[in-house]
Amino acid sequence: MKVVQDEVVEAEVVNLVAETLMTSSEKVREAATLQDLGVSSLEMVMVLCAVEDRYQIQLTLEESPRLQTLKEMVVFLQEKVNQRG
């Protein structure tokens, strides 16, 4: 089974969020939450769709609200990717 490292997932998520929101990766890293970046609900949907596309996963309605911080996204994605093997 392939294990994905937190650092790799974190770097990918930072770049993905920065690209989707058209902002710098430094701002994404510094933000405590996506709302701290001033993310609108539409932008949040765009970020989650980009995450789904990149990692080839489907987020459920129950999972989406749990992904408000970079760390929450990294932990969640690492678990999802590692479950797939």
PDB file of N, CA and C in Angstrom:
ATOM      1  N   MET A   1       0.844  -1.175   0.000  1.00  0.00           N
ATOM      2  CA  MET A   1       0.000   0.000   0.000  1.00  0.00           C
ATOM      3  C   MET A   1       0.890   1.240   0.000  1.00  0.00           C
ATOM      4  N   LYS A   2       0.524   2.214  -0.825  1.00  0.00           N
ATOM      5  CA  LYS A   2       1.282   3.459  -0.940  1.00  0.00           C
ATOM      6  C   LYS A   2       0.844   4.429   0.158  1.00  0.00           C
ATOM      7  N   VAL A   3       1.795   4.903   0.934  1.00  0.00           N
ATOM      8  CA  VAL A   3       1.508   5.868   1.992  1.00  0.00           C
ATOM      9  C   VAL A   3       1.982   7.237   1.524  1.00  0.00           C
ATOM     10  N   VAL A   4       1.084   8.200   1.588  1.00  0.00           N
ATOM     11  CA  VAL A   4       1.399   9.558   1.162  1.00  0.00           C
ATOM     12  C   VAL A   4       1.809  10.370   2.382  1.00  0.00           C
ATOM     13  N   GLN A   5       2.916  11.078   2.280  1.00  0.00           N
ATOM     14  CA  GLN A   5       3.440  11.865   3.388  1.00  0.00           C
ATOM     15  C   GLN A   5       2.667  13.174   3.549  1.00  0.00           C
ATOM     16  N   ASP A   6       2.497  13.611   4.813  1.00  0.00           N
ATOM     17  CA  ASP A   6       1.807  14.864   5.108  1.00  0.00           C
ATOM     18  C   ASP A   6       2.407  16.039   4.339  1.00  0.00           C
ATOM     19  N   GLU A   7       3.744  16.093   4.278  1.00  0.00           N
ATOM     20  CA  GLU A   7       4.408  17.234   3.645  1.00  0.00           C
ATOM     21  C   GLU A   7       4.067  17.323   2.163  1.00  0.00           C
ATOM     22  N   VAL A   8       3.984  16.171   1.505  1.00  0.00           N
ATOM     23  CA  VAL A   8       3.658  16.138   0.077  1.00  0.00           C
ATOM     24  C   VAL A   8       2.224  16.600  -0.140  1.00  0.00           C
ATOM     25  N   VAL A   9       1.314  16.056   0.654  1.00  0.00           N
ATOM     26  CA  VAL A   9      -0.094  16.432   0.529  1.00  0.00           C
ATOM     27  C   VAL A   9      -0.262  17.904   0.870  1.00  0.00           C
ATOM     28  N   GLU A  10       0.403  18.371   1.918  1.00  0.00           N
ATOM     29  CA  GLU A  10       0.279  19.773   2.305  1.00  0.00           C
ATOM     30  C   GLU A  10       0.758  20.695   1.191  1.00  0.00           C
ATOM     31  N   ALA A  11       1.890  20.392   0.587  1.00  0.00           N
ATOM     32  CA  ALA A  11       2.405  21.223  -0.508  1.00  0.00           C
ATOM     33  C   ALA A  11       1.443  21.227  -1.691  1.00  0.00           C
ATOM     34  N   GLU A  12       0.891  20.066  -2.009  1.00  0.00           N
ATOM     35  CA  GLU A  12      -0.068  19.984  -3.109  1.00  0.00           C
ATOM     36  C   GLU A  12      -1.332  20.778  -2.811  1.00  0.00           C
ATOM     37  N   VAL A  13      -1.838  20.658  -1.578  1.00  0.00           N
ATOM     38  CA  VAL A  13      -3.063  21.365  -1.198  1.00  0.00           C
ATOM     39  C   VAL A  13      -2.825  22.869  -1.192  1.00  0.00           C
ATOM     40  N   VAL A  14      -1.702  23.310  -0.651  1.00  0.00           N
ATOM     41  CA  VAL A  14      -1.381  24.745  -0.644  1.00  0.00           C
ATOM     42  C   VAL A  14      -1.361  25.281  -2.067  1.00  0.00           C
ATOM     43  N   ASN A  15      -0.678  24.584  -2.950  1.00  0.00           N
ATOM     44  CA  ASN A  15      -0.604  25.033  -4.343  1.00  0.00           C
ATOM     45  C   ASN A  15      -1.965  25.007  -5.022  1.00  0.00           C
ATOM     46  N   LEU A  16      -2.739  23.974  -4.752  1.00  0.00           N
ATOM     47  CA  LEU A  16      -4.070  23.851  -5.338  1.00  0.00           C
ATOM     48  C   LEU A  16      -4.987  24.977  -4.872  1.00  0.00           C
ATOM     49  N   VAL A  17      -4.986  25.249  -3.579  1.00  0.00           N
ATOM     50  CA  VAL A  17      -5.824  26.326  -3.029  1.00  0.00           C
ATOM     51  C   VAL A  17      -5.359  27.676  -3.556  1.00  0.00           C
ATOM     52  N   ALA A  18      -4.055  27.909  -3.558  1.00  0.00           N
ATOM     53  CA  ALA A  18      -3.518  29.185  -4.050  1.00  0.00           C
ATOM     54  C   ALA A  18      -3.883  29.394  -5.515  1.00  0.00           C
ATOM     55  N   GLU A  19      -3.745  28.354  -6.311  1.00  0.00           N
ATOM     56  CA  GLU A  19      -4.071  28.454  -7.734  1.00  0.00           C
ATOM     57  C   GLU A  19      -5.563  28.710  -7.940  1.00  0.00           C
ATOM     58  N   THR A  20      -6.395  27.976  -7.205  1.00  0.00           N
ATOM     59  CA  THR A  20      -7.851  28.117  -7.341  1.00  0.00           C
ATOM     60  C   THR A  20      -8.311  29.510  -6.921  1.00  0.00           C
ATOM     61  N   LEU A  21      -7.711  30.035  -5.849  1.00  0.00           N
ATOM     62  CA  LEU A  21      -8.113  31.343  -5.326  1.00  0.00           C
ATOM     63  C   LEU A  21      -7.307  32.499  -5.918  1.00  0.00           C
ATOM     64  N   MET A  22      -6.361  32.153  -6.798  1.00  0.00           N
ATOM     65  CA  MET A  22      -5.492  33.155  -7.423  1.00  0.00           C
ATOM     66  C   MET A  22      -4.821  34.044  -6.377  1.00  0.00           C
ATOM     67  N   THR A  23      -4.165  33.383  -5.435  1.00  0.00           N
ATOM     68  CA  THR A  23      -3.442  34.077  -4.381  1.00  0.00           C
ATOM     69  C   THR A  23      -2.092  33.385  -4.198  1.00  0.00           C
ATOM     70  N   SER A  24      -1.282  33.900  -3.315  1.00  0.00           N
ATOM     71  CA  SER A  24       0.047  33.307  -3.113  1.00  0.00           C
ATOM     72  C   SER A  24      -0.032  32.120  -2.161  1.00  0.00           C
ATOM     73  N   SER A  25       0.879  31.197  -2.350  1.00  0.00           N
ATOM     74  CA  SER A  25       0.939  30.035  -1.453  1.00  0.00           C
ATOM     75  C   SER A  25       1.312  30.470  -0.042  1.00  0.00           C
ATOM     76  N   GLU A  26       2.063  31.568   0.099  1.00  0.00           N
ATOM     77  CA  GLU A  26       2.424  32.069   1.426  1.00  0.00           C
ATOM     78  C   GLU A  26       1.172  32.494   2.195  1.00  0.00           C
ATOM     79  N   LYS A  27       0.245  33.178   1.519  1.00  0.00           N
ATOM     80  CA  LYS A  27      -0.997  33.595   2.176  1.00  0.00           C
ATOM     81  C   LYS A  27      -1.803  32.390   2.610  1.00  0.00           C
ATOM     82  N   VAL A  28      -1.822  31.352   1.779  1.00  0.00           N
ATOM     83  CA  VAL A  28      -2.570  30.141   2.120  1.00  0.00           C
ATOM     84  C   VAL A  28      -1.953  29.479   3.340  1.00  0.00           C
ATOM     85  N   ARG A  29      -0.638  29.379   3.379  1.00  0.00           N
ATOM     86  CA  ARG A  29       0.043  28.753   4.523  1.00  0.00           C
ATOM     87  C   ARG A  29      -0.193  29.530   5.820  1.00  0.00           C
ATOM     88  N   GLU A  30      -0.239  30.848   5.732  1.00  0.00           N
ATOM     89  CA  GLU A  30      -0.373  31.688   6.928  1.00  0.00           C
ATOM     90  C   GLU A  30      -1.799  31.712   7.477  1.00  0.00           C
ATOM     91  N   ALA A  31      -2.783  31.434   6.646  1.00  0.00           N
ATOM     92  CA  ALA A  31      -4.179  31.524   7.075  1.00  0.00           C
ATOM     93  C   ALA A  31      -4.524  30.379   8.018  1.00  0.00           C
ATOM     94  N   ALA A  32      -5.214  30.723   9.093  1.00  0.00           N
ATOM     95  CA  ALA A  32      -5.654  29.687  10.032  1.00  0.00           C
ATOM     96  C   ALA A  32      -6.788  28.865   9.420  1.00  0.00           C
ATOM     97  N   THR A  33      -7.671  29.539   8.706  1.00  0.00           N
ATOM     98  CA  THR A  33      -8.780  28.866   8.021  1.00  0.00           C
ATOM     99  C   THR A  33      -8.927  29.461   6.625  1.00  0.00           C
ATOM    100  N   LEU A  34      -9.687  28.769   5.796  1.00  0.00           N
ATOM    101  CA  LEU A  34      -9.949  29.309   4.465  1.00  0.00           C
ATOM    102  C   LEU A  34     -10.756  30.605   4.565  1.00  0.00           C
ATOM    103  N   GLN A  35     -11.598  30.710   5.580  1.00  0.00           N
ATOM    104  CA  GLN A  35     -12.358  31.939   5.771  1.00  0.00           C
ATOM    105  C   GLN A  35     -11.432  33.110   6.088  1.00  0.00           C
ATOM    106  N   ASP A  36     -10.282  32.836   6.728  1.00  0.00           N
ATOM    107  CA  ASP A  36      -9.303  33.886   6.991  1.00  0.00           C
ATOM    108  C   ASP A  36      -8.754  34.478   5.696  1.00  0.00           C
ATOM    109  N   LEU A  37      -8.842  33.702   4.626  1.00  0.00           N
ATOM    110  CA  LEU A  37      -8.422  34.204   3.311  1.00  0.00           C
ATOM    111  C   LEU A  37      -9.531  35.011   2.635  1.00  0.00           C
ATOM    112  N   GLY A  38     -10.693  35.067   3.281  1.00  0.00           N
ATOM    113  CA  GLY A  38     -11.819  35.774   2.700  1.00  0.00           C
ATOM    114  C   GLY A  38     -12.537  34.954   1.636  1.00  0.00           C
ATOM    115  N   VAL A  39     -12.482  33.640   1.773  1.00  0.00           N
ATOM    116  CA  VAL A  39     -13.084  32.743   0.790  1.00  0.00           C
ATOM    117  C   VAL A  39     -14.599  32.813   0.870  1.00  0.00           C
ATOM    118  N   SER A  40     -15.218  33.067  -0.273  1.00  0.00           N
ATOM    119  CA  SER A  40     -16.679  33.069  -0.343  1.00  0.00           C
ATOM    120  C   SER A  40     -17.172  31.626  -0.430  1.00  0.00           C
ATOM    121  N   SER A  41     -18.466  31.435  -0.284  1.00  0.00           N
ATOM    122  CA  SER A  41     -19.013  30.076  -0.378  1.00  0.00           C
ATOM    123  C   SER A  41     -18.783  29.497  -1.771  1.00  0.00           C
ATOM    124  N   LEU A  42     -18.868  30.319  -2.803  1.00  0.00           N
ATOM    125  CA  LEU A  42     -18.605  29.854  -4.168  1.00  0.00           C
ATOM    126  C   LEU A  42     -17.141  29.438  -4.321  1.00  0.00           C
ATOM    127  N   GLU A  43     -16.234  30.237  -3.782  1.00  0.00           N
ATOM    128  CA  GLU A  43     -14.813  29.897  -3.850  1.00  0.00           C
ATOM    129  C   GLU A  43     -14.514  28.612  -3.073  1.00  0.00           C
ATOM    130  N   MET A  44     -15.213  28.415  -1.958  1.00  0.00           N
ATOM    131  CA  MET A  44     -15.030  27.189  -1.186  1.00  0.00           C
ATOM    132  C   MET A  44     -15.447  25.981  -2.014  1.00  0.00           C
ATOM    133  N   VAL A  45     -16.550  26.097  -2.724  1.00  0.00           N
ATOM    134  CA  VAL A  45     -17.004  25.017  -3.609  1.00  0.00           C
ATOM    135  C   VAL A  45     -15.959  24.771  -4.691  1.00  0.00           C
ATOM    136  N   MET A  46     -15.393  25.838  -5.236  1.00  0.00           N
ATOM    137  CA  MET A  46     -14.359  25.695  -6.266  1.00  0.00           C
ATOM    138  C   MET A  46     -13.132  24.967  -5.710  1.00  0.00           C
ATOM    139  N   VAL A  47     -12.738  25.305  -4.487  1.00  0.00           N
ATOM    140  CA  VAL A  47     -11.598  24.642  -3.853  1.00  0.00           C
ATOM    141  C   VAL A  47     -11.902  23.163  -3.660  1.00  0.00           C
ATOM    142  N   LEU A  48     -13.070  22.851  -3.133  1.00  0.00           N
ATOM    143  CA  LEU A  48     -13.433  21.456  -2.889  1.00  0.00           C
ATOM    144  C   LEU A  48     -13.527  20.665  -4.192  1.00  0.00           C
ATOM    145  N   CYS A  49     -14.045  21.288  -5.249  1.00  0.00           N
ATOM    146  CA  CYS A  49     -14.102  20.625  -6.563  1.00  0.00           C
ATOM    147  C   CYS A  49     -12.687  20.367  -7.092  1.00  0.00           C
ATOM    148  N   ALA A  50     -11.798  21.313  -6.908  1.00  0.00           N
ATOM    149  CA  ALA A  50     -10.411  21.140  -7.343  1.00  0.00           C
ATOM    150  C   ALA A  50      -9.746  20.001  -6.570  1.00  0.00           C
ATOM    151  N   VAL A  51     -10.034  19.912  -5.280  1.00  0.00           N
ATOM    152  CA  VAL A  51      -9.500  18.825  -4.456  1.00  0.00           C
ATOM    153  C   VAL A  51     -10.034  17.483  -4.957  1.00  0.00           C
ATOM    154  N   GLU A  52     -11.333  17.428  -5.223  1.00  0.00           N
ATOM    155  CA  GLU A  52     -11.927  16.192  -5.743  1.00  0.00           C
ATOM    156  C   GLU A  52     -11.272  15.777  -7.057  1.00  0.00           C
ATOM    157  N   ASP A  53     -11.105  16.735  -7.950  1.00  0.00           N
ATOM    158  CA  ASP A  53     -10.490  16.441  -9.243  1.00  0.00           C
ATOM    159  C   ASP A  53      -9.049  15.969  -9.082  1.00  0.00           C
ATOM    160  N   ARG A  54      -8.276  16.665  -8.279  1.00  0.00           N
ATOM    161  CA  ARG A  54      -6.859  16.339  -8.118  1.00  0.00           C
ATOM    162  C   ARG A  54      -6.652  14.965  -7.499  1.00  0.00           C
ATOM    163  N   TYR A  55      -7.457  14.648  -6.485  1.00  0.00           N
ATOM    164  CA  TYR A  55      -7.270  13.400  -5.755  1.00  0.00           C
ATOM    165  C   TYR A  55      -8.227  12.293  -6.188  1.00  0.00           C
ATOM    166  N   GLN A  56      -9.046  12.567  -7.192  1.00  0.00           N
ATOM    167  CA  GLN A  56      -9.987  11.568  -7.708  1.00  0.00           C
ATOM    168  C   GLN A  56     -10.823  10.953  -6.579  1.00  0.00           C
ATOM    169  N   ILE A  57     -11.424  11.855  -5.780  1.00  0.00           N
ATOM    170  CA  ILE A  57     -12.281  11.415  -4.677  1.00  0.00           C
ATOM    171  C   ILE A  57     -13.619  12.127  -4.797  1.00  0.00           C
ATOM    172  N   GLN A  58     -14.585  11.643  -4.063  1.00  0.00           N
ATOM    173  CA  GLN A  58     -15.887  12.277  -3.958  1.00  0.00           C
ATOM    174  C   GLN A  58     -16.083  12.693  -2.506  1.00  0.00           C
ATOM    175  N   LEU A  59     -16.356  13.968  -2.289  1.00  0.00           N
ATOM    176  CA  LEU A  59     -16.633  14.446  -0.939  1.00  0.00           C
ATOM    177  C   LEU A  59     -18.128  14.342  -0.685  1.00  0.00           C
ATOM    178  N   THR A  60     -18.492  13.863   0.485  1.00  0.00           N
ATOM    179  CA  THR A  60     -19.899  13.788   0.851  1.00  0.00           C
ATOM    180  C   THR A  60     -20.314  15.100   1.514  1.00  0.00           C
ATOM    181  N   LEU A  61     -21.605  15.287   1.648  1.00  0.00           N
ATOM    182  CA  LEU A  61     -22.105  16.492   2.318  1.00  0.00           C
ATOM    183  C   LEU A  61     -21.655  16.541   3.777  1.00  0.00           C
ATOM    184  N   GLU A  62     -21.437  15.389   4.377  1.00  0.00           N
ATOM    185  CA  GLU A  62     -20.991  15.341   5.771  1.00  0.00           C
ATOM    186  C   GLU A  62     -19.510  15.684   5.891  1.00  0.00           C
ATOM    187  N   GLU A  63     -18.715  15.350   4.875  1.00  0.00           N
ATOM    188  CA  GLU A  63     -17.271  15.581   4.943  1.00  0.00           C
ATOM    189  C   GLU A  63     -16.893  17.031   4.651  1.00  0.00           C
ATOM    190  N   SER A  64     -17.559  17.651   3.729  1.00  0.00           N
ATOM    191  CA  SER A  64     -17.187  18.991   3.274  1.00  0.00           C
ATOM    192  C   SER A  64     -17.066  20.030   4.379  1.00  0.00           C
ATOM    193  N   PRO A  65     -18.015  20.126   5.304  1.00  0.00           N
ATOM    194  CA  PRO A  65     -17.892  21.150   6.353  1.00  0.00           C
ATOM    195  C   PRO A  65     -16.702  20.947   7.282  1.00  0.00           C
ATOM    196  N   ARG A  66     -16.164  19.738   7.324  1.00  0.00           N
ATOM    197  CA  ARG A  66     -15.013  19.462   8.197  1.00  0.00           C
ATOM    198  C   ARG A  66     -13.706  19.977   7.629  1.00  0.00           C
ATOM    199  N   LEU A  67     -13.708  20.433   6.392  1.00  0.00           N
ATOM    200  CA  LEU A  67     -12.473  20.828   5.716  1.00  0.00           C
ATOM    201  C   LEU A  67     -12.343  22.351   5.675  1.00  0.00           C
ATOM    202  N   GLN A  68     -12.128  22.944   6.819  1.00  0.00           N
ATOM    203  CA  GLN A  68     -12.063  24.398   6.917  1.00  0.00           C
ATOM    204  C   GLN A  68     -10.646  24.936   7.061  1.00  0.00           C
ATOM    205  N   THR A  69      -9.715  24.078   7.461  1.00  0.00           N
ATOM    206  CA  THR A  69      -8.331  24.514   7.615  1.00  0.00           C
ATOM    207  C   THR A  69      -7.428  23.665   6.727  1.00  0.00           C
ATOM    208  N   LEU A  70      -6.249  24.166   6.487  1.00  0.00           N
ATOM    209  CA  LEU A  70      -5.272  23.444   5.683  1.00  0.00           C
ATOM    210  C   LEU A  70      -4.943  22.099   6.338  1.00  0.00           C
ATOM    211  N   LYS A  71      -4.747  22.097   7.642  1.00  0.00           N
ATOM    212  CA  LYS A  71      -4.413  20.861   8.361  1.00  0.00           C
ATOM    213  C   LYS A  71      -5.542  19.843   8.253  1.00  0.00           C
ATOM    214  N   GLU A  72      -6.792  20.290   8.388  1.00  0.00           N
ATOM    215  CA  GLU A  72      -7.931  19.379   8.245  1.00  0.00           C
ATOM    216  C   GLU A  72      -7.960  18.753   6.853  1.00  0.00           C
ATOM    217  N   MET A  73      -7.671  19.552   5.844  1.00  0.00           N
ATOM    218  CA  MET A  73      -7.646  19.032   4.473  1.00  0.00           C
ATOM    219  C   MET A  73      -6.531  18.009   4.294  1.00  0.00           C
ATOM    220  N   VAL A  74      -5.355  18.314   4.813  1.00  0.00           N
ATOM    221  CA  VAL A  74      -4.202  17.419   4.664  1.00  0.00           C
ATOM    222  C   VAL A  74      -4.481  16.076   5.334  1.00  0.00           C
ATOM    223  N   VAL A  75      -4.954  16.107   6.570  1.00  0.00           N
ATOM    224  CA  VAL A  75      -5.239  14.872   7.304  1.00  0.00           C
ATOM    225  C   VAL A  75      -6.319  14.068   6.573  1.00  0.00           C
ATOM    226  N   PHE A  76      -7.387  14.732   6.188  1.00  0.00           N
ATOM    227  CA  PHE A  76      -8.489  14.068   5.488  1.00  0.00           C
ATOM    228  C   PHE A  76      -8.018  13.442   4.178  1.00  0.00           C
ATOM    229  N   LEU A  77      -7.283  14.199   3.380  1.00  0.00           N
ATOM    230  CA  LEU A  77      -6.837  13.697   2.083  1.00  0.00           C
ATOM    231  C   LEU A  77      -5.846  12.561   2.227  1.00  0.00           C
ATOM    232  N   GLN A  78      -4.970  12.656   3.194  1.00  0.00           N
ATOM    233  CA  GLN A  78      -4.024  11.569   3.414  1.00  0.00           C
ATOM    234  C   GLN A  78      -4.780  10.280   3.752  1.00  0.00           C
ATOM    235  N   GLU A  79      -5.781  10.370   4.607  1.00  0.00           N
ATOM    236  CA  GLU A  79      -6.582   9.196   4.962  1.00  0.00           C
ATOM    237  C   GLU A  79      -7.298   8.642   3.733  1.00  0.00           C
ATOM    238  N   LYS A  80      -7.916   9.522   2.939  1.00  0.00           N
ATOM    239  CA  LYS A  80      -8.663   9.092   1.746  1.00  0.00           C
ATOM    240  C   LYS A  80      -7.745   8.414   0.740  1.00  0.00           C
ATOM    241  N   VAL A  81      -6.623   9.045   0.467  1.00  0.00           N
ATOM    242  CA  VAL A  81      -5.682   8.507  -0.527  1.00  0.00           C
ATOM    243  C   VAL A  81      -5.097   7.180  -0.040  1.00  0.00           C
ATOM    244  N   ASN A  82      -4.753   7.102   1.229  1.00  0.00           N
ATOM    245  CA  ASN A  82      -4.175   5.871   1.765  1.00  0.00           C
ATOM    246  C   ASN A  82      -5.185   4.737   1.831  1.00  0.00           C
ATOM    247  N   GLN A  83      -6.460   5.065   1.989  1.00  0.00           N
ATOM    248  CA  GLN A  83      -7.521   4.041   1.989  1.00  0.00           C
ATOM    249  C   GLN A  83      -7.623   3.397   0.600  1.00  0.00           C
ATOM    250  N   ARG A  84      -7.419   4.210  -0.412  1.00  0.00           N
ATOM    251  CA  ARG A  84      -7.502   3.713  -1.799  1.00  0.00           C
ATOM    252  C   ARG A  84      -6.369   2.761  -2.123  1.00  0.00           C
ATOM    253  N   GLY A  85      -5.233   3.035  -1.485  1.00  0.00           N
ATOM    254  CA  GLY A  85      -4.057   2.178  -1.714  1.00  0.00           C
ATOM    255  C   GLY A  85      -3.314   2.522  -2.889  1.00  0.00           C
TER     256      GLY A  85
END
